[in-house]
Every structure is written in C-alpha cells, then in structure tokens.
Amino acid sequence: MNIKRVNHLGILVEDLDDAVRSFTENLGLTLDHVEPYGDELEIAFLPCGETLIELIKPLTDKGSNADFLRKHGPGIQHAAFEVEDLDAALDELKTRGVQPLGDAPIPGAGGMRIAFLDPQAFGGILVELCERVA
C-alpha cells in the first residue's frame, strides 16, 4: 500500500462559523471553501501546508457524526491518509484482517473516494483512506 500523505484531519464542531473564525483568526489559516456533504454535514476546508483541516458540522442530530459530537464534544474525529489506489489498499488491508466500516469505498467530500476503517485495528482511532477522483 502506498500512503501518499496525511490528507486531512476531520474535526467535529458544534458551530461551524465560530470554528472557522477561531482557526483563521487565531492560527492564520485561510478558509478555502465550505461544502455540504449530503443533508447530514457541512464541511469547511482549511489548508495547512499539504494537509487540510476539515471542520465538520452535523446538520441533524442523527448519524455517527452527531453521536460522536454528543458523546465526546468537539474535537478530532478521524485522520485521513491519501492513497494512490483505494481499491488495492482495501484489498491489501483485508488480507491483514482490517475491515472497512460499512460500504466502502463511497463518494467523499472534496472530490475524493473514501473508506473508513474499523477503529479496533488502530487502537480505537478512526482512520480514513481517501483517493482523489480524476
């Protein structure tokens, strides 16, 4: 498997505007854009070198993101690693006993195909693999 880089850190927030303001004013990051992810999420993308900060706001109180926010409060939810070939990476991980969560791969935000991996394989940490769609 060829991990190209850490693509992004996914951070769940309660107030997207306030979070964007904090990261831009306090850290000097620049907001690239905000996009909806279905009817469930709104995501703000802030570049930091070659890595993105994804500020993620659940738009409903249903689903795993809203559950995470209720249980843990705002904070880092996942780390995403960009791979050259997502299908090949998933096949390789399956031979190692690492399973994806739910359907994988699926369309992701920011023009990516994504797959979340079972956190049990990573000491409880949610890991995402992503591949840029041409």
C-alpha atoms as a PDB file:
ATOM      1  CA  MET A   1       0.000   0.000   0.000  1.00  0.00           C
ATOM      2  CA  ASN A   2       1.312   3.410  -0.925  1.00  0.00           C
ATOM      3  CA  ILE A   3       0.316   6.114   1.574  1.00  0.00           C
ATOM      4  CA  LYS A   4       0.980   9.427  -0.174  1.00  0.00           C
ATOM      5  CA  ARG A   5       0.395  11.788   2.731  1.00  0.00           C
ATOM      6  CA  VAL A   6      -1.880  12.770   5.573  1.00  0.00           C
ATOM      7  CA  ASN A   7      -4.700  14.288   3.543  1.00  0.00           C
ATOM      8  CA  HIS A   8      -6.730  15.797   6.361  1.00  0.00           C
ATOM      9  CA  LEU A   9      -7.783  15.806   9.981  1.00  0.00           C
ATOM     10  CA  GLY A  10     -11.539  15.634  10.475  1.00  0.00           C
ATOM     11  CA  ILE A  11     -12.645  17.796  13.397  1.00  0.00           C
ATOM     12  CA  LEU A  12     -16.255  17.778  14.550  1.00  0.00           C
ATOM     13  CA  VAL A  13     -17.628  21.137  15.678  1.00  0.00           C
ATOM     14  CA  GLU A  14     -20.905  22.433  17.048  1.00  0.00           C
ATOM     15  CA  ASP A  15     -20.723  25.883  15.411  1.00  0.00           C
ATOM     16  CA  LEU A  16     -19.026  25.947  12.003  1.00  0.00           C
ATOM     17  CA  ASP A  17     -18.802  29.740  11.698  1.00  0.00           C
ATOM     18  CA  ASP A  18     -17.231  30.054  15.151  1.00  0.00           C
ATOM     19  CA  ALA A  19     -14.770  27.238  14.454  1.00  0.00           C
ATOM     20  CA  VAL A  20     -13.729  28.739  11.105  1.00  0.00           C
ATOM     21  CA  ARG A  21     -13.268  32.125  12.779  1.00  0.00           C
ATOM     22  CA  SER A  22     -11.091  30.540  15.501  1.00  0.00           C
ATOM     23  CA  PHE A  23      -8.837  28.713  13.046  1.00  0.00           C
ATOM     24  CA  THR A  24      -8.475  31.713  10.716  1.00  0.00           C
ATOM     25  CA  GLU A  25      -8.053  34.454  13.330  1.00  0.00           C
ATOM     26  CA  ASN A  26      -6.013  32.522  15.902  1.00  0.00           C
ATOM     27  CA  LEU A  27      -3.905  30.282  13.658  1.00  0.00           C
ATOM     28  CA  GLY A  28      -3.822  32.355  10.484  1.00  0.00           C
ATOM     29  CA  LEU A  29      -5.273  29.566   8.339  1.00  0.00           C
ATOM     30  CA  THR A  30      -7.347  30.521   5.296  1.00  0.00           C
ATOM     31  CA  LEU A  31     -10.790  29.157   4.520  1.00  0.00           C
ATOM     32  CA  ASP A  32     -10.659  27.502   1.094  1.00  0.00           C
ATOM     33  CA  HIS A  33     -14.348  26.636   0.813  1.00  0.00           C
ATOM     34  CA  VAL A  34     -17.380  25.178   2.556  1.00  0.00           C
ATOM     35  CA  GLU A  35     -19.409  22.384   1.001  1.00  0.00           C
ATOM     36  CA  PRO A  36     -22.385  20.281   2.023  1.00  0.00           C
ATOM     37  CA  TYR A  37     -21.998  16.525   2.316  1.00  0.00           C
ATOM     38  CA  GLY A  38     -25.474  15.288   1.578  1.00  0.00           C
ATOM     39  CA  ASP A  39     -28.097  16.519   4.017  1.00  0.00           C
ATOM     40  CA  GLU A  40     -26.077  15.369   7.025  1.00  0.00           C
ATOM     41  CA  LEU A  41     -22.952  17.519   7.161  1.00  0.00           C
ATOM     42  CA  GLU A  42     -21.437  20.868   6.274  1.00  0.00           C
ATOM     43  CA  ILE A  43     -17.653  20.832   5.914  1.00  0.00           C
ATOM     44  CA  ALA A  44     -15.212  23.753   5.886  1.00  0.00           C
ATOM     45  CA  PHE A  45     -11.809  23.121   4.276  1.00  0.00           C
ATOM     46  CA  LEU A  46      -8.769  24.996   5.590  1.00  0.00           C
ATOM     47  CA  PRO A  47      -5.368  24.170   4.023  1.00  0.00           C
ATOM     48  CA  CYS A  48      -2.386  23.808   6.329  1.00  0.00           C
ATOM     49  CA  GLY A  49       0.630  23.069   4.157  1.00  0.00           C
ATOM     50  CA  GLU A  50      -0.169  19.900   2.198  1.00  0.00           C
ATOM     51  CA  THR A  51      -2.757  18.820   4.764  1.00  0.00           C
ATOM     52  CA  LEU A  52      -6.324  20.023   5.114  1.00  0.00           C
ATOM     53  CA  ILE A  53      -8.202  20.757   8.276  1.00  0.00           C
ATOM     54  CA  GLU A  54     -11.815  19.666   7.798  1.00  0.00           C
ATOM     55  CA  LEU A  55     -14.181  21.334  10.223  1.00  0.00           C
ATOM     56  CA  ILE A  56     -17.310  19.181  10.184  1.00  0.00           C
ATOM     57  CA  LYS A  57     -20.699  20.273  11.476  1.00  0.00           C
ATOM     58  CA  PRO A  58     -23.535  17.748  11.655  1.00  0.00           C
ATOM     59  CA  LEU A  59     -26.740  19.266  10.263  1.00  0.00           C
ATOM     60  CA  THR A  60     -29.008  16.778  12.027  1.00  0.00           C
ATOM     61  CA  ASP A  61     -28.927  15.083  15.388  1.00  0.00           C
ATOM     62  CA  LYS A  62     -28.869  11.648  13.714  1.00  0.00           C
ATOM     63  CA  GLY A  63     -25.933   9.627  12.437  1.00  0.00           C
ATOM     64  CA  SER A  64     -22.458   8.714  13.628  1.00  0.00           C
ATOM     65  CA  ASN A  65     -21.076  12.263  13.459  1.00  0.00           C
ATOM     66  CA  ALA A  66     -23.847  13.692  15.624  1.00  0.00           C
ATOM     67  CA  ASP A  67     -23.454  10.732  18.012  1.00  0.00           C
ATOM     68  CA  PHE A  68     -19.705  11.370  18.272  1.00  0.00           C
ATOM     69  CA  LEU A  69     -20.249  15.072  18.957  1.00  0.00           C
ATOM     70  CA  ARG A  70     -22.823  14.344  21.680  1.00  0.00           C
ATOM     71  CA  LYS A  71     -20.618  11.739  23.330  1.00  0.00           C
ATOM     72  CA  HIS A  72     -17.193  13.411  23.052  1.00  0.00           C
ATOM     73  CA  GLY A  73     -17.857  17.065  22.285  1.00  0.00           C
ATOM     74  CA  PRO A  74     -15.911  18.986  19.634  1.00  0.00           C
ATOM     75  CA  GLY A  75     -12.589  17.507  18.603  1.00  0.00           C
ATOM     76  CA  ILE A  76     -10.605  15.379  16.202  1.00  0.00           C
ATOM     77  CA  GLN A  77     -12.764  12.531  14.952  1.00  0.00           C
ATOM     78  CA  HIS A  78     -10.511  10.959  12.321  1.00  0.00           C
ATOM     79  CA  ALA A  79      -7.218  11.089  10.462  1.00  0.00           C
ATOM     80  CA  ALA A  80      -7.326  10.597   6.694  1.00  0.00           C
ATOM     81  CA  PHE A  81      -4.494   9.162   4.646  1.00  0.00           C
ATOM     82  CA  GLU A  82      -4.382   9.627   0.881  1.00  0.00           C
ATOM     83  CA  VAL A  83      -3.558   6.558  -1.175  1.00  0.00           C
ATOM     84  CA  GLU A  84      -2.824   6.106  -4.864  1.00  0.00           C
ATOM     85  CA  ASP A  85      -5.280   3.224  -5.373  1.00  0.00           C
ATOM     86  CA  LEU A  86      -8.068   2.909  -2.791  1.00  0.00           C
ATOM     87  CA  ASP A  87      -9.404  -0.403  -4.075  1.00  0.00           C
ATOM     88  CA  ALA A  88      -5.954  -2.011  -3.924  1.00  0.00           C
ATOM     89  CA  ALA A  89      -5.349  -0.567  -0.449  1.00  0.00           C
ATOM     90  CA  LEU A  90      -8.638  -2.011   0.824  1.00  0.00           C
ATOM     91  CA  ASP A  91      -7.818  -5.408  -0.684  1.00  0.00           C
ATOM     92  CA  GLU A  92      -4.401  -5.373   0.990  1.00  0.00           C
ATOM     93  CA  LEU A  93      -5.860  -4.363   4.339  1.00  0.00           C
ATOM     94  CA  LYS A  94      -8.443  -7.156   4.159  1.00  0.00           C
ATOM     95  CA  THR A  95      -5.589  -9.687   3.851  1.00  0.00           C
ATOM     96  CA  ARG A  96      -4.283  -8.225   7.138  1.00  0.00           C
ATOM     97  CA  GLY A  97      -7.687  -8.580   8.793  1.00  0.00           C
ATOM     98  CA  VAL A  98      -8.533  -4.859   8.659  1.00  0.00           C
ATOM     99  CA  GLN A  99     -12.114  -4.323   7.549  1.00  0.00           C
ATOM    100  CA  PRO A 100     -13.791  -1.151   6.301  1.00  0.00           C
ATOM    101  CA  LEU A 101     -16.752   0.276   8.162  1.00  0.00           C
ATOM    102  CA  GLY A 102     -19.963  -0.115   6.193  1.00  0.00           C
ATOM    103  CA  ASP A 103     -19.981   0.273   2.441  1.00  0.00           C
ATOM    104  CA  ALA A 104     -16.591   1.135   1.012  1.00  0.00           C
ATOM    105  CA  PRO A 105     -15.469   2.936  -0.957  1.00  0.00           C
ATOM    106  CA  ILE A 106     -18.039   5.715  -1.104  1.00  0.00           C
ATOM    107  CA  PRO A 107     -18.014   9.239  -2.556  1.00  0.00           C
ATOM    108  CA  GLY A 108     -16.451  11.703  -0.132  1.00  0.00           C
ATOM    109  CA  ALA A 109     -16.268  15.456   0.153  1.00  0.00           C
ATOM    110  CA  GLY A 110     -13.664  17.463  -1.733  1.00  0.00           C
ATOM    111  CA  GLY A 111     -13.668  15.248  -4.828  1.00  0.00           C
ATOM    112  CA  MET A 112     -12.496  12.099  -3.065  1.00  0.00           C
ATOM    113  CA  ARG A 113     -13.437   8.429  -2.824  1.00  0.00           C
ATOM    114  CA  ILE A 114     -13.213   7.359   0.789  1.00  0.00           C
ATOM    115  CA  ALA A 115     -13.301   4.378   3.110  1.00  0.00           C
ATOM    116  CA  PHE A 116     -13.375   4.434   6.889  1.00  0.00           C
ATOM    117  CA  LEU A 117     -11.592   1.560   8.617  1.00  0.00           C
ATOM    118  CA  ASP A 118     -12.586  -0.382  11.714  1.00  0.00           C
ATOM    119  CA  PRO A 119     -11.127   1.549  14.675  1.00  0.00           C
ATOM    120  CA  GLN A 120     -10.353  -1.703  16.524  1.00  0.00           C
ATOM    121  CA  ALA A 121      -7.477  -2.257  14.094  1.00  0.00           C
ATOM    122  CA  PHE A 122      -5.947   1.088  15.159  1.00  0.00           C
ATOM    123  CA  GLY A 123      -6.321   1.087  18.922  1.00  0.00           C
ATOM    124  CA  GLY A 124      -9.728   2.782  18.794  1.00  0.00           C
ATOM    125  CA  ILE A 125      -8.729   5.548  16.363  1.00  0.00           C
ATOM    126  CA  LEU A 126     -10.946   6.157  13.334  1.00  0.00           C
ATOM    127  CA  VAL A 127      -8.817   6.086  10.171  1.00  0.00           C
ATOM    128  CA  GLU A 128     -10.000   7.100   6.718  1.00  0.00           C
ATOM    129  CA  LEU A 129      -8.337   6.247   3.436  1.00  0.00           C
ATOM    130  CA  CYS A 130      -9.029   8.544   0.508  1.00  0.00           C
ATOM    131  CA  GLU A 131      -8.230   8.687  -3.176  1.00  0.00           C
ATOM    132  CA  ARG A 132      -8.540  11.763  -5.384  1.00  0.00           C
ATOM    133  CA  VAL A 133     -11.095  11.315  -8.156  1.00  0.00           C
ATOM    134  CA  ALA A 134      -9.889  12.459 -11.586  1.00  0.00           C
END
